[in-house]
Amino acid sequence: MTLYETIFARRSARRYDKAPLDEAALSTVRAYLGGVRQLPGQSARFEIVDGGKLKGGIAPYAILAFADDSDGALVNIGYSLQEVDLYLQGSGWGSVWCGMASPREKPRDYRILLGFGKTDVPLRKSEAEFKRRAIADVSGEDNAVARAARLAPSAVNLQPWKLDFADGQVTIRSSARGVGKILPGRMYLYDLGIALKHVEVALEHEGKRVTGISVSGKGRESVVEVGYS
């Protein structure tokens, strides 16, 4: 399954086979992690750990993300790990974003984790199985890119972003203002990066070449601009 196809079928898995994975399987995931895309100027570090080393984890394994705490770094983590999320589910694994879990011994630069492992939780069969906001609530236009972005996962399913389209550019604006009591911390920045990955994958599926990605603004005013040709 391609990354694009997986967008329309993925499902966060919260039930896993606890049996250990063999080293060959883990090596495959490590190899993919080693080549995952990151935004210009960003250099997050990722590490696979056993789920027993976590507090609040639900999967047998987890990919920990480490970076500084700048807004751009958090957007980058969402962008990079969502590619891994799509890769894992498209390869027959289960995965889930775990914003409330953390390592038992938490380094200062730890940010968030993506749990994964073997699961019997099925992928979705159609877009109708997704519980998401209406396309008009998250995008100024209804097109293939907007439909892919609409299906991006987000903390407590708030989808705190809005897409605008212009010739050769997609702009993703944070719409997280006023959701502070619902959305803890700066989770909306990871969500912005997750939506960005879906936008990029959809553009490339449509035959477009992404020519640049920039992150500007601050906090709940953050903006991501994606240029393409």
Protein backbone atom coordinates (compact mmCIF):
# COMPACT_ATOMS: atom_id res chain seq x y z
CA MET A 1 0.00 0.00 0.00
CA THR A 2 1.38 3.42 -0.90
CA LEU A 3 1.49 6.29 1.59
CA TYR A 4 -1.33 7.98 -0.32
CA GLU A 5 -3.53 4.89 -0.29
CA THR A 6 -2.91 4.45 3.42
CA ILE A 7 -4.22 7.97 4.15
CA PHE A 8 -7.70 6.76 3.17
CA ALA A 9 -7.52 3.52 5.16
CA ARG A 10 -5.44 4.17 8.30
CA ARG A 11 -6.82 3.64 11.76
CA SER A 12 -5.16 4.31 15.11
CA ALA A 13 -4.61 0.89 16.72
CA ARG A 14 -5.14 0.59 20.46
CA ARG A 15 -4.98 -3.21 20.67
CA TYR A 16 -1.77 -5.14 19.99
CA ASP A 17 -0.19 -8.56 19.95
CA LYS A 18 2.31 -8.39 22.81
CA ALA A 19 4.64 -11.03 21.35
CA PRO A 20 8.15 -9.65 20.69
CA LEU A 21 9.08 -8.71 17.14
CA ASP A 22 12.06 -10.34 15.50
CA GLU A 23 15.17 -8.27 14.87
CA ALA A 24 14.66 -8.33 11.09
CA ALA A 25 11.29 -6.60 11.46
CA LEU A 26 12.68 -3.97 13.82
CA SER A 27 15.64 -3.40 11.51
CA THR A 28 13.22 -2.66 8.67
CA VAL A 29 11.53 0.04 10.75
CA ARG A 30 14.90 1.47 11.83
CA ALA A 31 16.03 1.64 8.21
CA TYR A 32 12.90 3.56 7.24
CA LEU A 33 13.34 5.92 10.18
CA GLY A 34 16.89 6.61 9.07
CA GLY A 35 15.68 7.99 5.75
CA VAL A 36 12.47 9.71 6.80
CA ARG A 37 12.03 13.26 5.49
CA GLN A 38 12.52 16.23 7.78
CA LEU A 39 11.82 19.90 7.16
CA PRO A 40 14.64 22.23 6.06
CA GLY A 41 16.85 23.20 8.98
CA GLN A 42 15.41 20.55 11.31
CA SER A 43 17.19 17.48 12.70
CA ALA A 44 14.95 15.57 15.10
CA ARG A 45 16.32 12.31 16.50
CA PHE A 46 14.23 9.14 16.65
CA GLU A 47 14.72 6.01 18.74
CA ILE A 48 12.83 2.70 18.89
CA VAL A 49 12.25 1.37 22.42
CA ASP A 50 10.40 -1.50 24.05
CA GLY A 51 6.97 -0.52 25.36
CA GLY A 52 7.95 -1.69 28.84
CA LYS A 53 10.15 1.40 29.15
CA LEU A 54 7.14 3.71 28.90
CA LYS A 55 4.58 5.23 31.22
CA GLY A 56 1.10 5.17 29.74
CA GLY A 57 2.08 3.35 26.55
CA ILE A 58 -0.35 0.96 24.88
CA ALA A 59 1.78 -0.56 22.12
CA PRO A 60 4.61 -3.10 22.50
CA TYR A 61 7.10 -0.77 20.82
CA ALA A 62 7.44 2.96 20.41
CA ILE A 63 9.35 5.47 18.33
CA LEU A 64 10.49 8.30 20.59
CA ALA A 65 11.08 11.74 19.09
CA PHE A 66 13.77 14.09 20.44
CA ALA A 67 14.33 17.72 19.46
CA ASP A 68 14.47 21.23 20.85
CA ASP A 69 11.17 22.76 21.92
CA SER A 70 10.84 25.39 19.18
CA ASP A 71 7.60 25.60 17.25
CA GLY A 72 9.31 24.55 14.02
CA ALA A 73 10.84 21.50 15.69
CA LEU A 74 7.43 20.29 16.87
CA VAL A 75 5.86 20.80 13.44
CA ASN A 76 8.77 18.85 11.98
CA ILE A 77 8.22 15.92 14.35
CA GLY A 78 4.57 15.73 13.35
CA TYR A 79 5.57 15.87 9.68
CA SER A 80 8.25 13.18 9.96
CA LEU A 81 6.50 10.74 12.28
CA GLN A 82 3.27 10.89 10.28
CA GLU A 83 5.21 9.57 7.32
CA VAL A 84 6.31 6.68 9.55
CA ASP A 85 2.73 6.19 10.75
CA LEU A 86 1.55 5.84 7.14
CA TYR A 87 4.47 3.56 6.27
CA LEU A 88 3.79 1.25 9.22
CA GLN A 89 0.08 0.90 8.56
CA GLY A 90 0.59 0.51 4.83
CA SER A 91 3.04 -2.32 5.60
CA GLY A 92 0.58 -4.25 7.75
CA TRP A 93 1.54 -2.93 11.18
CA GLY A 94 -0.55 -1.05 13.72
CA SER A 95 0.44 2.37 15.03
CA VAL A 96 -0.92 5.13 17.24
CA TRP A 97 0.14 8.62 18.33
CA CYS A 98 0.55 8.70 22.13
CA GLY A 99 0.63 12.28 23.35
CA MET A 100 0.13 11.38 27.00
CA ALA A 101 2.69 8.55 27.20
CA SER A 102 6.39 9.09 27.91
CA PRO A 103 9.61 7.22 28.75
CA ARG A 104 9.98 6.25 32.41
CA GLU A 105 13.31 8.05 32.30
CA LYS A 106 12.53 11.13 30.24
CA PRO A 107 15.42 13.12 28.71
CA ARG A 108 14.98 16.89 28.53
CA ASP A 109 14.73 16.85 24.74
CA TYR A 110 12.05 14.15 24.58
CA ARG A 111 8.89 15.41 22.85
CA ILE A 112 6.34 12.73 21.85
CA LEU A 113 6.08 9.11 20.71
CA LEU A 114 4.42 6.93 18.09
CA GLY A 115 3.49 3.45 19.34
CA PHE A 116 3.54 0.47 16.99
CA GLY A 117 3.45 -3.31 16.74
CA LYS A 118 1.47 -6.23 15.36
CA THR A 119 -2.29 -5.80 15.55
CA ASP A 120 -5.50 -7.39 14.32
CA VAL A 121 -7.24 -4.00 14.23
CA PRO A 122 -8.44 -3.67 10.61
CA LEU A 123 -7.80 -0.71 8.38
CA ARG A 124 -10.78 1.33 7.28
CA LYS A 125 -12.57 0.31 4.09
CA SER A 126 -13.82 3.77 3.10
CA GLU A 127 -13.73 7.46 4.00
CA ALA A 128 -17.21 7.05 5.49
CA GLU A 129 -15.64 5.24 8.45
CA PHE A 130 -13.63 8.33 9.49
CA LYS A 131 -15.07 10.68 12.08
CA ARG A 132 -13.85 14.06 10.88
CA ARG A 133 -15.05 17.63 10.53
CA ALA A 134 -16.75 18.62 7.27
CA ILE A 135 -14.34 19.59 4.51
CA ALA A 136 -15.65 23.18 4.53
CA ASP A 137 -14.55 23.48 8.18
CA VAL A 138 -10.91 22.67 7.41
CA SER A 139 -10.37 23.92 3.86
CA GLY A 140 -11.32 26.80 1.62
CA GLU A 141 -11.63 24.36 -1.29
CA ASP A 142 -12.82 20.79 -1.78
CA ASN A 143 -10.12 19.01 -3.78
CA ALA A 144 -7.90 15.92 -3.59
CA VAL A 145 -5.31 17.59 -1.36
CA ALA A 146 -7.92 18.94 1.05
CA ARG A 147 -9.62 15.55 1.26
CA ALA A 148 -6.33 13.89 2.18
CA ALA A 149 -5.55 16.55 4.80
CA ARG A 150 -9.04 16.22 6.29
CA LEU A 151 -8.30 12.60 7.19
CA ALA A 152 -5.12 13.40 9.12
CA PRO A 153 -5.20 12.29 12.77
CA SER A 154 -5.03 14.96 15.47
CA ALA A 155 -5.13 15.23 19.25
CA VAL A 156 -8.68 14.54 20.50
CA ASN A 157 -9.67 14.71 16.82
CA LEU A 158 -9.90 18.53 16.82
CA GLN A 159 -8.23 19.05 13.41
CA PRO A 160 -6.87 22.47 14.45
CA TRP A 161 -5.87 23.75 11.01
CA LYS A 162 -7.33 25.44 7.93
CA LEU A 163 -6.12 25.08 4.34
CA ASP A 164 -6.03 27.85 1.72
CA PHE A 165 -5.11 27.32 -1.91
CA ALA A 166 -3.45 29.62 -4.45
CA ASP A 167 -1.69 28.92 -7.73
CA GLY A 168 1.39 26.87 -6.85
CA GLN A 169 0.89 27.11 -3.09
CA VAL A 170 -1.01 25.49 -0.23
CA THR A 171 -1.14 27.39 3.07
CA ILE A 172 -1.94 25.54 6.30
CA ARG A 173 -2.89 27.86 9.14
CA SER A 174 -3.25 26.86 12.76
CA SER A 175 -6.82 27.26 13.97
CA ALA A 176 -5.98 26.24 17.53
CA ARG A 177 -6.90 29.57 19.14
CA GLY A 178 -9.38 29.03 21.95
CA VAL A 179 -8.84 25.28 22.35
CA GLY A 180 -6.24 25.47 25.13
CA LYS A 181 -8.46 23.81 27.74
CA ILE A 182 -9.23 20.94 25.35
CA LEU A 183 -5.86 20.52 23.66
CA PRO A 184 -3.02 20.16 26.18
CA GLY A 185 0.37 21.77 25.73
CA ARG A 186 1.36 22.51 22.15
CA MET A 187 -0.12 19.40 20.58
CA TYR A 188 -1.58 21.56 17.81
CA LEU A 189 1.93 22.04 16.41
CA TYR A 190 2.41 18.30 15.96
CA ASP A 191 -1.04 18.25 14.35
CA LEU A 192 0.01 20.98 11.93
CA GLY A 193 2.96 18.83 10.86
CA ILE A 194 0.75 15.75 10.51
CA ALA A 195 -1.63 17.63 8.22
CA LEU A 196 1.37 18.95 6.28
CA LYS A 197 2.54 15.39 5.57
CA HIS A 198 -0.88 14.48 4.17
CA VAL A 199 -0.80 17.59 1.98
CA GLU A 200 2.66 16.73 0.66
CA VAL A 201 1.77 13.10 -0.05
CA ALA A 202 -1.43 14.15 -1.86
CA LEU A 203 0.37 16.77 -3.96
CA GLU A 204 2.96 14.22 -5.06
CA HIS A 205 0.21 11.71 -5.85
CA GLU A 206 -1.37 14.39 -8.07
CA GLY A 207 1.91 14.63 -9.99
CA LYS A 208 3.07 17.86 -8.39
CA ARG A 209 6.64 18.54 -7.26
CA VAL A 210 6.93 20.14 -3.85
CA THR A 211 9.43 22.98 -4.27
CA GLY A 212 9.59 24.34 -0.73
CA ILE A 213 8.09 24.17 2.73
CA SER A 214 8.36 26.99 5.26
CA VAL A 215 7.05 27.42 8.80
CA SER A 216 6.38 30.94 10.12
CA GLY A 217 4.37 32.66 12.83
CA LYS A 218 4.39 31.54 16.44
CA GLY A 219 2.32 29.30 18.65
CA ARG A 220 -1.35 29.29 17.74
CA GLU A 221 -0.62 31.73 14.91
CA SER A 222 1.72 29.29 13.14
CA VAL A 223 1.53 29.02 9.37
CA VAL A 224 3.00 26.44 6.98
CA GLU A 225 3.41 27.33 3.30
CA VAL A 226 3.93 24.58 0.74
CA GLY A 227 5.12 25.60 -2.71
CA TYR A 228 4.72 23.25 -5.67
CA SER A 229 5.01 23.15 -9.44
